[in-house]
Amino acid sequence: MIPPAQQPVVLTERLDLHNTAIDEPSATAGRCGTIHLPSGRICQAAEHHTDSCDFRLGA
């Protein structure tokens, strides 16, 4: 007998917030928040964007 298909798990918490290369205030505001470590600039693109990061000076 084949078991029924399971529903995908939907996470409500962003696991990347536990990464030191993520700016938490930017990420909790719905932005990517990835920090470019050599320059200190923070990506202001939307969360889970498909294009490359849009690094700007942190606020």
PDB file of N, CA and C in Angstrom:
ATOM      1  N   MET A   1       0.842  -1.184   0.000  1.00  0.00           N
ATOM      2  CA  MET A   1       0.000   0.000   0.000  1.00  0.00           C
ATOM      3  C   MET A   1       0.885   1.245   0.000  1.00  0.00           C
ATOM      4  N   ILE A   2       0.509   2.225  -0.785  1.00  0.00           N
ATOM      5  CA  ILE A   2       1.266   3.490  -0.890  1.00  0.00           C
ATOM      6  C   ILE A   2       0.705   4.468   0.136  1.00  0.00           C
ATOM      7  N   PRO A   3       1.590   5.047   0.977  1.00  0.00           N
ATOM      8  CA  PRO A   3       1.096   6.017   1.970  1.00  0.00           C
ATOM      9  C   PRO A   3       0.637   7.297   1.280  1.00  0.00           C
ATOM     10  N   PRO A   4      -0.302   8.018   1.895  1.00  0.00           N
ATOM     11  CA  PRO A   4      -0.772   9.278   1.296  1.00  0.00           C
ATOM     12  C   PRO A   4       0.345  10.316   1.262  1.00  0.00           C
ATOM     13  N   ALA A   5       0.256  11.224   0.290  1.00  0.00           N
ATOM     14  CA  ALA A   5       1.262  12.286   0.155  1.00  0.00           C
ATOM     15  C   ALA A   5       1.186  13.219   1.355  1.00  0.00           C
ATOM     16  N   GLN A   6       2.363  13.629   1.824  1.00  0.00           N
ATOM     17  CA  GLN A   6       2.407  14.545   2.951  1.00  0.00           C
ATOM     18  C   GLN A   6       2.448  15.973   2.451  1.00  0.00           C
ATOM     19  N   GLN A   7       1.843  16.864   3.217  1.00  0.00           N
ATOM     20  CA  GLN A   7       1.852  18.283   2.882  1.00  0.00           C
ATOM     21  C   GLN A   7       3.231  18.855   3.183  1.00  0.00           C
ATOM     22  N   PRO A   8       3.723  19.789   2.346  1.00  0.00           N
ATOM     23  CA  PRO A   8       5.031  20.404   2.624  1.00  0.00           C
ATOM     24  C   PRO A   8       4.983  21.199   3.923  1.00  0.00           C
ATOM     25  N   VAL A   9       6.110  21.231   4.598  1.00  0.00           N
ATOM     26  CA  VAL A   9       6.210  21.985   5.848  1.00  0.00           C
ATOM     27  C   VAL A   9       6.377  23.465   5.511  1.00  0.00           C
ATOM     28  N   VAL A  10       5.561  24.299   6.107  1.00  0.00           N
ATOM     29  CA  VAL A  10       5.640  25.741   5.896  1.00  0.00           C
ATOM     30  C   VAL A  10       6.227  26.360   7.161  1.00  0.00           C
ATOM     31  N   LEU A  11       7.396  26.972   7.017  1.00  0.00           N
ATOM     32  CA  LEU A  11       8.052  27.594   8.161  1.00  0.00           C
ATOM     33  C   LEU A  11       7.534  29.007   8.356  1.00  0.00           C
ATOM     34  N   THR A  12       7.290  29.365   9.580  1.00  0.00           N
ATOM     35  CA  THR A  12       6.849  30.726   9.860  1.00  0.00           C
ATOM     36  C   THR A  12       8.014  31.590  10.332  1.00  0.00           C
ATOM     37  N   GLU A  13       9.085  30.945  10.795  1.00  0.00           N
ATOM     38  CA  GLU A  13      10.255  31.669  11.269  1.00  0.00           C
ATOM     39  C   GLU A  13      11.344  31.616  10.210  1.00  0.00           C
ATOM     40  N   ARG A  14      12.025  32.720   9.980  1.00  0.00           N
ATOM     41  CA  ARG A  14      13.151  32.727   9.047  1.00  0.00           C
ATOM     42  C   ARG A  14      14.365  32.129   9.734  1.00  0.00           C
ATOM     43  N   LEU A  15      14.787  30.965   9.269  1.00  0.00           N
ATOM     44  CA  LEU A  15      15.920  30.287   9.882  1.00  0.00           C
ATOM     45  C   LEU A  15      17.222  31.042   9.654  1.00  0.00           C
ATOM     46  N   ASP A  16      17.292  31.854   8.583  1.00  0.00           N
ATOM     47  CA  ASP A  16      18.527  32.582   8.318  1.00  0.00           C
ATOM     48  C   ASP A  16      18.781  33.702   9.326  1.00  0.00           C
ATOM     49  N   LEU A  17      17.814  34.019  10.174  1.00  0.00           N
ATOM     50  CA  LEU A  17      18.039  35.041  11.198  1.00  0.00           C
ATOM     51  C   LEU A  17      19.087  34.599  12.212  1.00  0.00           C
ATOM     52  N   HIS A  18      19.374  33.314  12.253  1.00  0.00           N
ATOM     53  CA  HIS A  18      20.375  32.792  13.179  1.00  0.00           C
ATOM     54  C   HIS A  18      21.774  32.842  12.574  1.00  0.00           C
ATOM     55  N   ASN A  19      21.906  33.383  11.376  1.00  0.00           N
ATOM     56  CA  ASN A  19      23.181  33.498  10.684  1.00  0.00           C
ATOM     57  C   ASN A  19      23.771  34.868  11.002  1.00  0.00           C
ATOM     58  N   THR A  20      25.054  34.894  11.368  1.00  0.00           N
ATOM     59  CA  THR A  20      25.672  36.179  11.724  1.00  0.00           C
ATOM     60  C   THR A  20      25.858  37.110  10.533  1.00  0.00           C
ATOM     61  N   ALA A  21      25.696  36.610   9.300  1.00  0.00           N
ATOM     62  CA  ALA A  21      25.829  37.453   8.112  1.00  0.00           C
ATOM     63  C   ALA A  21      24.482  38.027   7.674  1.00  0.00           C
ATOM     64  N   ILE A  22      23.485  37.974   8.552  1.00  0.00           N
ATOM     65  CA  ILE A  22      22.162  38.530   8.267  1.00  0.00           C
ATOM     66  C   ILE A  22      21.892  39.657   9.258  1.00  0.00           C
ATOM     67  N   ASP A  23      21.472  40.812   8.747  1.00  0.00           N
ATOM     68  CA  ASP A  23      21.104  41.942   9.594  1.00  0.00           C
ATOM     69  C   ASP A  23      19.671  41.715  10.079  1.00  0.00           C
ATOM     70  N   GLU A  24      19.519  41.428  11.362  1.00  0.00           N
ATOM     71  CA  GLU A  24      18.219  41.052  11.908  1.00  0.00           C
ATOM     72  C   GLU A  24      17.145  42.124  11.739  1.00  0.00           C
ATOM     73  N   PRO A  25      17.413  43.405  12.011  1.00  0.00           N
ATOM     74  CA  PRO A  25      16.351  44.410  11.812  1.00  0.00           C
ATOM     75  C   PRO A  25      15.860  44.480  10.358  1.00  0.00           C
ATOM     76  N   SER A  26      16.772  44.369   9.394  1.00  0.00           N
ATOM     77  CA  SER A  26      16.358  44.393   7.988  1.00  0.00           C
ATOM     78  C   SER A  26      15.554  43.153   7.642  1.00  0.00           C
ATOM     79  N   ALA A  27      16.005  41.993   8.117  1.00  0.00           N
ATOM     80  CA  ALA A  27      15.324  40.737   7.803  1.00  0.00           C
ATOM     81  C   ALA A  27      13.935  40.684   8.425  1.00  0.00           C
ATOM     82  N   THR A  28      13.785  41.156   9.645  1.00  0.00           N
ATOM     83  CA  THR A  28      12.456  41.129  10.266  1.00  0.00           C
ATOM     84  C   THR A  28      11.521  42.158   9.634  1.00  0.00           C
ATOM     85  N   ALA A  29      12.072  43.128   8.906  1.00  0.00           N
ATOM     86  CA  ALA A  29      11.258  44.115   8.191  1.00  0.00           C
ATOM     87  C   ALA A  29      10.857  43.616   6.804  1.00  0.00           C
ATOM     88  N   GLY A  30      11.198  42.340   6.467  1.00  0.00           N
ATOM     89  CA  GLY A  30      10.785  41.770   5.190  1.00  0.00           C
ATOM     90  C   GLY A  30      11.797  41.920   4.072  1.00  0.00           C
ATOM     91  N   ARG A  31      12.990  42.400   4.411  1.00  0.00           N
ATOM     92  CA  ARG A  31      14.036  42.531   3.398  1.00  0.00           C
ATOM     93  C   ARG A  31      14.999  41.366   3.525  1.00  0.00           C
ATOM     94  N   CYS A  32      15.857  41.175   2.548  1.00  0.00           N
ATOM     95  CA  CYS A  32      16.829  40.076   2.541  1.00  0.00           C
ATOM     96  C   CYS A  32      17.726  40.149   3.764  1.00  0.00           C
ATOM     97  N   GLY A  33      18.396  41.264   3.967  1.00  0.00           N
ATOM     98  CA  GLY A  33      19.208  41.466   5.146  1.00  0.00           C
ATOM     99  C   GLY A  33      20.600  40.862   5.098  1.00  0.00           C
ATOM    100  N   THR A  34      20.991  40.254   3.971  1.00  0.00           N
ATOM    101  CA  THR A  34      22.335  39.688   3.871  1.00  0.00           C
ATOM    102  C   THR A  34      23.364  40.803   3.948  1.00  0.00           C
ATOM    103  N   ILE A  35      24.404  40.596   4.758  1.00  0.00           N
ATOM    104  CA  ILE A  35      25.455  41.594   4.933  1.00  0.00           C
ATOM    105  C   ILE A  35      26.639  41.232   4.042  1.00  0.00           C
ATOM    106  N   HIS A  36      27.103  42.192   3.241  1.00  0.00           N
ATOM    107  CA  HIS A  36      28.327  42.008   2.460  1.00  0.00           C
ATOM    108  C   HIS A  36      29.460  42.271   3.435  1.00  0.00           C
ATOM    109  N   LEU A  37      30.096  41.195   3.902  1.00  0.00           N
ATOM    110  CA  LEU A  37      31.051  41.308   4.997  1.00  0.00           C
ATOM    111  C   LEU A  37      32.229  42.244   4.731  1.00  0.00           C
ATOM    112  N   PRO A  38      32.837  42.270   3.510  1.00  0.00           N
ATOM    113  CA  PRO A  38      33.960  43.191   3.313  1.00  0.00           C
ATOM    114  C   PRO A  38      33.575  44.672   3.417  1.00  0.00           C
ATOM    115  N   SER A  39      32.363  45.034   2.980  1.00  0.00           N
ATOM    116  CA  SER A  39      31.981  46.449   2.976  1.00  0.00           C
ATOM    117  C   SER A  39      31.021  46.824   4.106  1.00  0.00           C
ATOM    118  N   GLY A  40      30.331  45.840   4.690  1.00  0.00           N
ATOM    119  CA  GLY A  40      29.352  46.128   5.724  1.00  0.00           C
ATOM    120  C   GLY A  40      28.011  46.581   5.185  1.00  0.00           C
ATOM    121  N   ARG A  41      27.849  46.571   3.872  1.00  0.00           N
ATOM    122  CA  ARG A  41      26.571  46.979   3.278  1.00  0.00           C
ATOM    123  C   ARG A  41      25.542  45.854   3.433  1.00  0.00           C
ATOM    124  N   ILE A  42      24.264  46.231   3.468  1.00  0.00           N
ATOM    125  CA  ILE A  42      23.177  45.294   3.733  1.00  0.00           C
ATOM    126  C   ILE A  42      22.239  45.252   2.535  1.00  0.00           C
ATOM    127  N   CYS A  43      21.832  44.029   2.134  1.00  0.00           N
ATOM    128  CA  CYS A  43      20.907  43.879   1.000  1.00  0.00           C
ATOM    129  C   CYS A  43      19.527  44.360   1.405  1.00  0.00           C
ATOM    130  N   GLN A  44      18.973  45.264   0.612  1.00  0.00           N
ATOM    131  CA  GLN A  44      17.656  45.825   0.877  1.00  0.00           C
ATOM    132  C   GLN A  44      16.591  45.258  -0.059  1.00  0.00           C
ATOM    133  N   ALA A  45      16.936  44.226  -0.859  1.00  0.00           N
ATOM    134  CA  ALA A  45      15.952  43.594  -1.740  1.00  0.00           C
ATOM    135  C   ALA A  45      14.925  42.847  -0.889  1.00  0.00           C
ATOM    136  N   ALA A  46      13.817  42.473  -1.503  1.00  0.00           N
ATOM    137  CA  ALA A  46      12.760  41.750  -0.794  1.00  0.00           C
ATOM    138  C   ALA A  46      13.253  40.390  -0.318  1.00  0.00           C
ATOM    139  N   GLU A  47      12.656  39.919   0.744  1.00  0.00           N
ATOM    140  CA  GLU A  47      12.973  38.603   1.309  1.00  0.00           C
ATOM    141  C   GLU A  47      12.822  37.522   0.229  1.00  0.00           C
ATOM    142  N   HIS A  48      13.750  36.597   0.158  1.00  0.00           N
ATOM    143  CA  HIS A  48      13.761  35.480  -0.803  1.00  0.00           C
ATOM    144  C   HIS A  48      13.762  35.952  -2.262  1.00  0.00           C
ATOM    145  N   HIS A  49      14.459  37.041  -2.565  1.00  0.00           N
ATOM    146  CA  HIS A  49      14.509  37.561  -3.929  1.00  0.00           C
ATOM    147  C   HIS A  49      15.283  36.599  -4.833  1.00  0.00           C
ATOM    148  N   THR A  50      15.049  36.678  -6.147  1.00  0.00           N
ATOM    149  CA  THR A  50      15.706  35.776  -7.096  1.00  0.00           C
ATOM    150  C   THR A  50      16.920  36.410  -7.760  1.00  0.00           C
ATOM    151  N   ASP A  51      16.963  37.723  -7.842  1.00  0.00           N
ATOM    152  CA  ASP A  51      18.104  38.403  -8.464  1.00  0.00           C
ATOM    153  C   ASP A  51      19.230  38.549  -7.453  1.00  0.00           C
ATOM    154  N   SER A  52      20.330  39.148  -7.880  1.00  0.00           N
ATOM    155  CA  SER A  52      21.435  39.358  -6.954  1.00  0.00           C
ATOM    156  C   SER A  52      21.067  40.409  -5.906  1.00  0.00           C
ATOM    157  N   CYS A  53      21.816  40.410  -4.835  1.00  0.00           N
ATOM    158  CA  CYS A  53      21.540  41.311  -3.714  1.00  0.00           C
ATOM    159  C   CYS A  53      21.735  42.773  -4.107  1.00  0.00           C
ATOM    160  N   ASP A  54      20.974  43.634  -3.453  1.00  0.00           N
ATOM    161  CA  ASP A  54      21.023  45.082  -3.638  1.00  0.00           C
ATOM    162  C   ASP A  54      21.631  45.671  -2.373  1.00  0.00           C
ATOM    163  N   PHE A  55      22.989  45.690  -2.321  1.00  0.00           N
ATOM    164  CA  PHE A  55      23.688  46.128  -1.109  1.00  0.00           C
ATOM    165  C   PHE A  55      23.718  47.630  -0.995  1.00  0.00           C
ATOM    166  N   ARG A  56      23.304  48.131   0.189  1.00  0.00           N
ATOM    167  CA  ARG A  56      23.327  49.557   0.490  1.00  0.00           C
ATOM    168  C   ARG A  56      23.849  49.743   1.897  1.00  0.00           C
ATOM    169  N   LEU A  57      24.230  50.956   2.232  1.00  0.00           N
ATOM    170  CA  LEU A  57      24.682  51.235   3.591  1.00  0.00           C
ATOM    171  C   LEU A  57      23.549  50.977   4.559  1.00  0.00           C
ATOM    172  N   GLY A  58      23.862  50.375   5.697  1.00  0.00           N
ATOM    173  CA  GLY A  58      22.862  50.050   6.710  1.00  0.00           C
ATOM    174  C   GLY A  58      22.224  51.294   7.297  1.00  0.00           C
ATOM    175  N   ALA A  59      21.003  51.106   7.754  1.00  0.00           N
ATOM    176  CA  ALA A  59      20.277  52.237   8.342  1.00  0.00           C
ATOM    177  C   ALA A  59      20.424  52.261   9.835  1.00  0.00           C
TER     178      ALA A  59
END
